[in-house]
C-alpha atoms as a PDB file:
ATOM      1  CA  MET A   1      13.439 -15.311  10.466  1.00  0.00           C
ATOM      2  CA  LYS A   2      10.599 -14.955  12.948  1.00  0.00           C
ATOM      3  CA  THR A   3       9.349 -11.435  13.488  1.00  0.00           C
ATOM      4  CA  ASN A   4       6.670  -9.551  15.364  1.00  0.00           C
ATOM      5  CA  ASN A   5       7.909  -6.205  14.100  1.00  0.00           C
ATOM      6  CA  HIS A   6       6.547  -6.173  10.544  1.00  0.00           C
ATOM      7  CA  GLU A   7       3.233  -5.862   8.741  1.00  0.00           C
ATOM      8  CA  VAL A   8       2.396  -6.051   5.059  1.00  0.00           C
ATOM      9  CA  ILE A   9       0.278  -3.213   3.726  1.00  0.00           C
ATOM     10  CA  PHE A  10      -1.833  -3.823   0.633  1.00  0.00           C
ATOM     11  CA  ALA A  11      -3.035  -0.736  -1.219  1.00  0.00           C
ATOM     12  CA  ILE A  12      -5.488  -1.391  -4.055  1.00  0.00           C
ATOM     13  CA  VAL A  13      -5.923   1.593  -6.366  1.00  0.00           C
ATOM     14  CA  ASN A  14      -7.094   2.400  -9.867  1.00  0.00           C
ATOM     15  CA  SER A  15      -4.474   1.725 -12.511  1.00  0.00           C
ATOM     16  CA  GLY A  16      -1.797   4.402 -12.665  1.00  0.00           C
ATOM     17  CA  TYR A  17      -1.870   5.424  -8.994  1.00  0.00           C
ATOM     18  CA  ALA A  18       0.368   2.843  -7.265  1.00  0.00           C
ATOM     19  CA  GLU A  19       3.524   4.930  -7.792  1.00  0.00           C
ATOM     20  CA  ASP A  20       1.763   7.886  -6.143  1.00  0.00           C
ATOM     21  CA  VAL A  21       0.916   5.674  -3.158  1.00  0.00           C
ATOM     22  CA  MET A  22       4.547   4.527  -3.009  1.00  0.00           C
ATOM     23  CA  ASP A  23       5.711   8.164  -2.972  1.00  0.00           C
ATOM     24  CA  ILE A  24       3.447   8.850   0.019  1.00  0.00           C
ATOM     25  CA  ALA A  25       4.725   5.745   1.817  1.00  0.00           C
ATOM     26  CA  ARG A  26       8.392   6.636   1.149  1.00  0.00           C
ATOM     27  CA  GLU A  27       7.880  10.001   2.841  1.00  0.00           C
ATOM     28  CA  LEU A  28       6.938   8.053   5.981  1.00  0.00           C
ATOM     29  CA  GLY A  29       9.914   5.679   5.909  1.00  0.00           C
ATOM     30  CA  VAL A  30       8.785   2.773   3.711  1.00  0.00           C
ATOM     31  CA  ARG A  31      11.772   1.629   1.672  1.00  0.00           C
ATOM     32  CA  GLY A  32      10.026  -0.120  -1.207  1.00  0.00           C
ATOM     33  CA  GLY A  33       7.163  -2.214  -2.458  1.00  0.00           C
ATOM     34  CA  THR A  34       5.887  -4.448  -5.221  1.00  0.00           C
ATOM     35  CA  ILE A  35       3.200  -3.447  -7.718  1.00  0.00           C
ATOM     36  CA  LEU A  36       0.885  -6.089  -9.184  1.00  0.00           C
ATOM     37  CA  ASN A  37      -1.557  -5.477 -12.017  1.00  0.00           C
ATOM     38  CA  ALA A  38      -5.081  -6.627 -11.223  1.00  0.00           C
ATOM     39  CA  ARG A  39      -8.668  -6.412 -12.372  1.00  0.00           C
ATOM     40  CA  GLY A  40     -11.478  -5.402 -10.064  1.00  0.00           C
ATOM     41  CA  VAL A  41     -14.846  -7.115 -10.135  1.00  0.00           C
ATOM     42  CA  VAL A  42     -18.118  -5.946  -8.645  1.00  0.00           C
ATOM     43  CA  LYS A  43     -21.744  -6.698  -9.390  1.00  0.00           C
ATOM     44  CA  ALA A  44     -23.371  -3.868 -11.336  1.00  0.00           C
ATOM     45  CA  ASP A  45     -26.160  -3.475  -8.758  1.00  0.00           C
ATOM     46  CA  ALA A  46     -23.569  -3.179  -5.973  1.00  0.00           C
ATOM     47  CA  ALA A  47     -21.827  -0.384  -7.886  1.00  0.00           C
ATOM     48  CA  VAL A  48     -25.130   1.485  -8.194  1.00  0.00           C
ATOM     49  CA  PHE A  49     -26.015   0.867  -4.531  1.00  0.00           C
ATOM     50  CA  PHE A  50     -22.656   2.153  -3.266  1.00  0.00           C
ATOM     51  CA  GLY A  51     -22.552   4.980  -5.813  1.00  0.00           C
ATOM     52  CA  ILE A  52     -19.187   3.984  -7.243  1.00  0.00           C
ATOM     53  CA  THR A  53     -17.901   4.022 -10.779  1.00  0.00           C
ATOM     54  CA  LEU A  54     -16.575   0.706 -11.992  1.00  0.00           C
ATOM     55  CA  HIS A  55     -12.910   0.968 -12.963  1.00  0.00           C
ATOM     56  CA  GLU A  56     -11.737  -2.543 -13.730  1.00  0.00           C
ATOM     57  CA  GLU A  57      -7.977  -2.056 -14.112  1.00  0.00           C
ATOM     58  CA  LYS A  58      -6.332  -1.938 -10.695  1.00  0.00           C
ATOM     59  CA  GLU A  59      -2.874  -1.964  -9.182  1.00  0.00           C
ATOM     60  CA  ILE A  60      -2.010  -3.608  -5.889  1.00  0.00           C
ATOM     61  CA  LEU A  61       0.955  -2.213  -4.004  1.00  0.00           C
ATOM     62  CA  MET A  62       2.397  -4.528  -1.353  1.00  0.00           C
ATOM     63  CA  MET A  63       4.812  -3.089   1.208  1.00  0.00           C
ATOM     64  CA  VAL A  64       6.450  -4.810   4.167  1.00  0.00           C
ATOM     65  CA  VAL A  65       6.722  -2.114   6.834  1.00  0.00           C
ATOM     66  CA  ASP A  66       7.854  -1.776  10.412  1.00  0.00           C
ATOM     67  CA  ARG A  67       4.852  -2.138  12.683  1.00  0.00           C
ATOM     68  CA  ASP A  68       5.564   1.203  14.365  1.00  0.00           C
ATOM     69  CA  ILE A  69       4.873   3.178  11.132  1.00  0.00           C
ATOM     70  CA  ARG A  70       1.915   1.099   9.909  1.00  0.00           C
ATOM     71  CA  ASP A  71      -0.822   3.400  11.182  1.00  0.00           C
ATOM     72  CA  LYS A  72       0.847   6.542   9.815  1.00  0.00           C
ATOM     73  CA  VAL A  73       1.213   4.921   6.382  1.00  0.00           C
ATOM     74  CA  LEU A  74      -2.375   3.623   6.291  1.00  0.00           C
ATOM     75  CA  ASN A  75      -3.779   6.995   7.371  1.00  0.00           C
ATOM     76  CA  ALA A  76      -1.731   8.875   4.770  1.00  0.00           C
ATOM     77  CA  ILE A  77      -2.821   6.500   1.993  1.00  0.00           C
ATOM     78  CA  TYR A  78      -6.456   6.888   3.020  1.00  0.00           C
ATOM     79  CA  LYS A  79      -6.178  10.690   3.188  1.00  0.00           C
ATOM     80  CA  GLU A  80      -4.446  11.085  -0.199  1.00  0.00           C
ATOM     81  CA  MET A  81      -5.700   8.099  -2.213  1.00  0.00           C
ATOM     82  CA  GLY A  82      -8.950   6.964  -0.584  1.00  0.00           C
ATOM     83  CA  MET A  83     -12.304   6.163  -2.137  1.00  0.00           C
ATOM     84  CA  ALA A  84     -13.216   9.855  -2.334  1.00  0.00           C
ATOM     85  CA  LYS A  85     -10.184  10.527  -4.564  1.00  0.00           C
ATOM     86  CA  LYS A  86      -9.514   9.600  -8.215  1.00  0.00           C
ATOM     87  CA  ALA A  87      -7.379   6.638  -7.110  1.00  0.00           C
ATOM     88  CA  LYS A  88     -10.457   5.087  -5.420  1.00  0.00           C
ATOM     89  CA  GLY A  89      -8.046   3.303  -3.106  1.00  0.00           C
ATOM     90  CA  ILE A  90      -8.447   0.969  -0.207  1.00  0.00           C
ATOM     91  CA  ALA A  91      -5.632  -0.152   2.040  1.00  0.00           C
ATOM     92  CA  PHE A  92      -5.287  -2.719   4.777  1.00  0.00           C
ATOM     93  CA  SER A  93      -2.519  -4.487   6.663  1.00  0.00           C
ATOM     94  CA  LEU A  94      -1.855  -8.030   7.779  1.00  0.00           C
ATOM     95  CA  PRO A  95       0.666  -9.286  10.323  1.00  0.00           C
ATOM     96  CA  VAL A  96       3.882 -10.861   9.086  1.00  0.00           C
ATOM     97  CA  SER A  97       5.242 -13.736  11.149  1.00  0.00           C
ATOM     98  CA  ASP A  98       8.345 -14.589   9.099  1.00  0.00           C
ATOM     99  CA  VAL A  99      10.606 -12.443   6.922  1.00  0.00           C
ATOM    100  CA  ALA A 100      13.409 -13.471   4.591  1.00  0.00           C
ATOM    101  CA  GLY A 101      15.360 -11.275   2.219  1.00  0.00           C
ATOM    102  CA  LEU A 102      14.921  -7.898   3.885  1.00  0.00           C
ATOM    103  CA  ALA A 103      18.217  -6.079   3.978  1.00  0.00           C
ATOM    104  CA  PRO A 104      18.943  -4.016   7.057  1.00  0.00           C
ATOM    105  CA  GLU A 105      18.440  -0.306   6.556  1.00  0.00           C
ATOM    106  CA  MET A 106      21.611   1.191   5.183  1.00  0.00           C
ATOM    107  CA  VAL A 107      23.032   4.167   7.042  1.00  0.00           C
ATOM    108  CA  PRO A 108      25.145   6.442   4.855  1.00  0.00           C
ATOM    109  CA  ASP A 109      28.835   6.417   5.678  1.00  0.00           C
ATOM    110  CA  THR A 110      29.703   9.945   6.777  1.00  0.00           C
ATOM    111  CA  GLU A 111      33.425   9.282   7.019  1.00  0.00           C
ATOM    112  CA  ALA A 112      35.388   9.985   3.872  1.00  0.00           C
END
């Protein structure tokens, strides 16, 4: 289905931190995500130039989010998991033009 209301957020963090990123995102209304294992690559001289420590094992968390919470989620990830933290994370979003398989948000039934 065509959509202008969603974005996909990619958060790339050191291995072991994707669940922590997901916890932060859930607090802001993100319902779920997918974690992929990855390996980072960087030239040794670039690591020295930028003053970063090479940590090859990475996790990529992908989350399809409503566009209206995108900025809050990205800012929270940066604040809690950014390059200055142990997670050494980066996050970015891309627009989503079509979505299939997203269930509508379930509202608990309060009638018993």
